[in-house]
Amino acid sequence: VSLSLSLSEARERATDARRQLRDGVDPIQARQAAIRHEQRITVKNAIEQCFAARQAQLKNDGNAGRWLSPLSVHVIPKIGTMAVEDVDQHVLRKTLEPIWHKKADTARKAINRMNLTLKHAAALGLEVDLQAVMKAQALLGKRRHETKHIPSLPYQEAPKFYRWLAQQNFP
């Protein structure tokens, strides 16, 4: 930033500032908002920063990739380049709608991790909607997924099953 301004340029800037005040806009706040707008981070960057902050809490420092997986597959490809401040309930609904009823557990993990990401972004001082996840869940409705359990073998029948298994000819 150059500290030397011509007198005419300084007067022009002062006139602009007075015009903004007359229009009900605080010029200092407007300048700070413009600086914040330039420093915006993407959803992908916010997710990566949130993951880095939480990594120590995860088993094996999250190296298995399970924490990031729902986000890398279903969120980042769709809205990863969007500024995190622009994420609202409509964006989240549109992003998670395809898996909301089909892959309920994955959708639950993705939306919970997006909630953590938005909280992390708010802690960084970014203006994000912390209610976006709750509103998106209201828009998406209740998940209709029914858990299907894998049938198990009663332990009393295990010896009989192993005898049968030993008689089978596998290639």
Protein backbone atom coordinates (compact mmCIF):
# COMPACT_ATOMS: atom_id res chain seq x y z
CA VAL A 1 0.00 0.00 0.00
CA SER A 2 1.44 3.30 -1.05
CA LEU A 3 1.39 6.00 1.62
CA SER A 4 1.82 8.87 -0.85
CA LEU A 5 -1.43 10.16 -2.30
CA SER A 6 -1.93 13.21 -4.40
CA LEU A 7 -4.14 15.88 -2.87
CA SER A 8 -6.80 15.39 -5.55
CA GLU A 9 -6.82 11.62 -4.96
CA ALA A 10 -7.17 12.10 -1.19
CA ARG A 11 -10.08 14.52 -1.76
CA GLU A 12 -11.71 12.03 -4.13
CA ARG A 13 -11.45 9.26 -1.54
CA ALA A 14 -12.86 11.52 1.18
CA THR A 15 -15.78 12.42 -1.10
CA ASP A 16 -16.44 8.72 -1.74
CA ALA A 17 -16.36 8.00 2.00
CA ARG A 18 -18.83 10.85 2.70
CA ARG A 19 -21.09 9.53 -0.09
CA GLN A 20 -21.06 6.06 1.51
CA LEU A 21 -21.92 7.54 4.92
CA ARG A 22 -24.77 9.51 3.36
CA ASP A 23 -26.05 6.23 1.84
CA GLY A 24 -25.97 4.59 5.28
CA VAL A 25 -22.80 2.53 4.68
CA ASP A 26 -19.88 2.70 7.10
CA PRO A 27 -16.81 3.04 4.83
CA ILE A 28 -14.50 1.33 7.36
CA GLN A 29 -16.80 -1.68 7.68
CA ALA A 30 -17.23 -1.79 3.88
CA ARG A 31 -13.43 -1.83 3.43
CA GLN A 32 -13.06 -4.60 6.06
CA ALA A 33 -15.83 -6.63 4.38
CA ALA A 34 -14.03 -6.26 1.03
CA ILE A 35 -10.81 -7.53 2.61
CA ARG A 36 -12.67 -10.49 4.17
CA HIS A 37 -14.27 -11.20 0.80
CA GLU A 38 -10.80 -11.43 -0.77
CA GLN A 39 -9.65 -13.84 1.96
CA ARG A 40 -12.51 -16.30 1.55
CA ILE A 41 -11.66 -19.99 1.67
CA THR A 42 -13.27 -22.76 -0.29
CA VAL A 43 -15.33 -25.59 1.18
CA LYS A 44 -12.51 -28.00 0.31
CA ASN A 45 -9.95 -25.88 2.19
CA ALA A 46 -12.30 -25.52 5.17
CA ILE A 47 -12.81 -29.31 5.28
CA GLU A 48 -9.05 -29.90 5.10
CA GLN A 49 -8.40 -27.37 7.88
CA CYS A 50 -11.13 -28.88 10.06
CA PHE A 51 -9.72 -32.37 9.49
CA ALA A 52 -6.21 -31.19 10.40
CA ALA A 53 -7.55 -29.66 13.62
CA ARG A 54 -9.42 -32.87 14.57
CA GLN A 55 -6.81 -35.35 13.35
CA ALA A 56 -5.28 -35.91 16.79
CA GLN A 57 -8.67 -37.05 18.13
CA LEU A 58 -9.08 -39.68 15.42
CA LYS A 59 -7.87 -43.25 15.60
CA ASN A 60 -4.40 -43.56 14.02
CA ASP A 61 -4.53 -39.79 13.30
CA GLY A 62 -7.24 -40.38 10.70
CA ASN A 63 -4.84 -42.05 8.29
CA ALA A 64 -7.43 -44.66 7.29
CA GLY A 65 -9.36 -41.88 5.54
CA ARG A 66 -12.73 -42.71 7.06
CA TRP A 67 -13.34 -39.21 8.38
CA LEU A 68 -12.76 -37.57 5.00
CA SER A 69 -14.32 -40.29 2.85
CA PRO A 70 -18.00 -39.17 2.89
CA LEU A 71 -16.93 -35.60 2.19
CA SER A 72 -14.41 -36.47 -0.55
CA VAL A 73 -16.93 -38.63 -2.38
CA HIS A 74 -20.20 -36.73 -1.96
CA VAL A 75 -19.46 -33.12 -0.98
CA ILE A 76 -16.11 -31.91 -2.34
CA PRO A 77 -16.79 -32.89 -5.98
CA LYS A 78 -20.04 -30.89 -5.92
CA ILE A 79 -19.29 -27.81 -3.81
CA GLY A 80 -15.57 -27.99 -3.04
CA THR A 81 -14.71 -24.87 -5.02
CA MET A 82 -17.51 -22.79 -3.49
CA ALA A 83 -16.65 -20.30 -0.74
CA VAL A 84 -17.54 -21.74 2.66
CA GLU A 85 -19.44 -18.53 3.54
CA ASP A 86 -21.82 -19.22 0.62
CA VAL A 87 -22.90 -22.62 1.98
CA ASP A 88 -26.49 -22.54 3.17
CA GLN A 89 -29.26 -25.07 3.75
CA HIS A 90 -30.25 -25.10 0.08
CA VAL A 91 -26.71 -25.94 -1.05
CA LEU A 92 -26.44 -28.72 1.54
CA ARG A 93 -29.87 -30.10 0.62
CA LYS A 94 -29.02 -30.19 -3.07
CA THR A 95 -25.64 -31.81 -2.33
CA LEU A 96 -26.90 -34.55 0.00
CA GLU A 97 -30.33 -35.21 -1.49
CA PRO A 98 -29.12 -38.01 -3.84
CA ILE A 99 -27.81 -40.09 -0.92
CA TRP A 100 -30.16 -39.00 1.87
CA HIS A 101 -32.47 -42.03 1.62
CA LYS A 102 -30.24 -44.48 -0.28
CA LYS A 103 -27.05 -44.19 1.80
CA ALA A 104 -28.43 -42.93 5.09
CA ASP A 105 -25.36 -43.66 7.21
CA THR A 106 -23.02 -41.97 4.73
CA ALA A 107 -25.36 -38.98 4.49
CA ARG A 108 -25.48 -38.74 8.30
CA LYS A 109 -21.68 -38.76 8.51
CA ALA A 110 -21.33 -36.20 5.71
CA ILE A 111 -23.82 -33.76 7.23
CA ASN A 112 -22.31 -34.12 10.72
CA ARG A 113 -18.84 -33.44 9.34
CA MET A 114 -20.09 -30.45 7.38
CA ASN A 115 -21.51 -29.15 10.67
CA LEU A 116 -18.05 -29.50 12.24
CA THR A 117 -16.51 -27.78 9.21
CA LEU A 118 -18.90 -24.83 9.47
CA LYS A 119 -18.17 -24.50 13.20
CA HIS A 120 -14.45 -24.55 12.42
CA ALA A 121 -14.92 -21.85 9.77
CA ALA A 122 -16.87 -19.74 12.28
CA ALA A 123 -14.02 -20.14 14.78
CA LEU A 124 -11.68 -18.79 12.09
CA GLY A 125 -13.83 -15.64 12.03
CA LEU A 126 -15.63 -16.37 8.78
CA GLU A 127 -19.28 -15.42 8.44
CA VAL A 128 -20.97 -18.80 7.99
CA ASP A 129 -24.50 -19.94 8.76
CA LEU A 130 -24.14 -22.28 11.74
CA GLN A 131 -27.80 -23.23 11.41
CA ALA A 132 -27.40 -24.40 7.78
CA VAL A 133 -27.04 -28.07 8.71
CA MET A 134 -30.11 -28.06 10.95
CA LYS A 135 -32.14 -26.26 8.28
CA ALA A 136 -30.91 -28.67 5.58
CA GLN A 137 -31.98 -31.65 7.68
CA ALA A 138 -35.43 -30.08 8.03
CA LEU A 139 -35.62 -29.64 4.24
CA LEU A 140 -34.40 -33.18 3.55
CA GLY A 141 -36.85 -34.77 5.98
CA LYS A 142 -36.56 -37.99 7.90
CA ARG A 143 -34.40 -40.70 6.37
CA ARG A 144 -36.45 -43.68 5.20
CA HIS A 145 -33.57 -46.10 5.31
CA GLU A 146 -34.27 -49.37 7.09
CA THR A 147 -31.34 -51.20 8.60
CA LYS A 148 -31.06 -54.74 7.28
CA HIS A 149 -29.21 -57.07 9.59
CA ILE A 150 -27.18 -59.95 8.24
CA PRO A 151 -28.64 -63.23 9.50
CA SER A 152 -26.41 -65.04 11.94
CA LEU A 153 -25.91 -68.67 12.80
CA PRO A 154 -26.94 -69.75 16.30
CA TYR A 155 -23.76 -70.76 18.12
CA GLN A 156 -25.24 -74.23 18.87
CA GLU A 157 -25.21 -74.99 15.14
CA ALA A 158 -21.61 -73.81 14.58
CA PRO A 159 -19.95 -77.30 14.95
CA LYS A 160 -22.36 -78.77 12.39
CA PHE A 161 -21.66 -75.86 10.00
CA TYR A 162 -17.87 -76.30 10.32
CA ARG A 163 -18.17 -80.05 9.60
CA TRP A 164 -20.19 -79.24 6.49
CA LEU A 165 -17.70 -76.54 5.47
CA ALA A 166 -14.75 -78.93 5.82
CA GLN A 167 -16.44 -81.37 3.42
CA GLN A 168 -16.80 -78.76 0.67
CA ASN A 169 -14.34 -78.74 -2.24
CA PHE A 170 -13.27 -75.18 -2.91
CA PRO A 171 -10.94 -74.40 -5.83
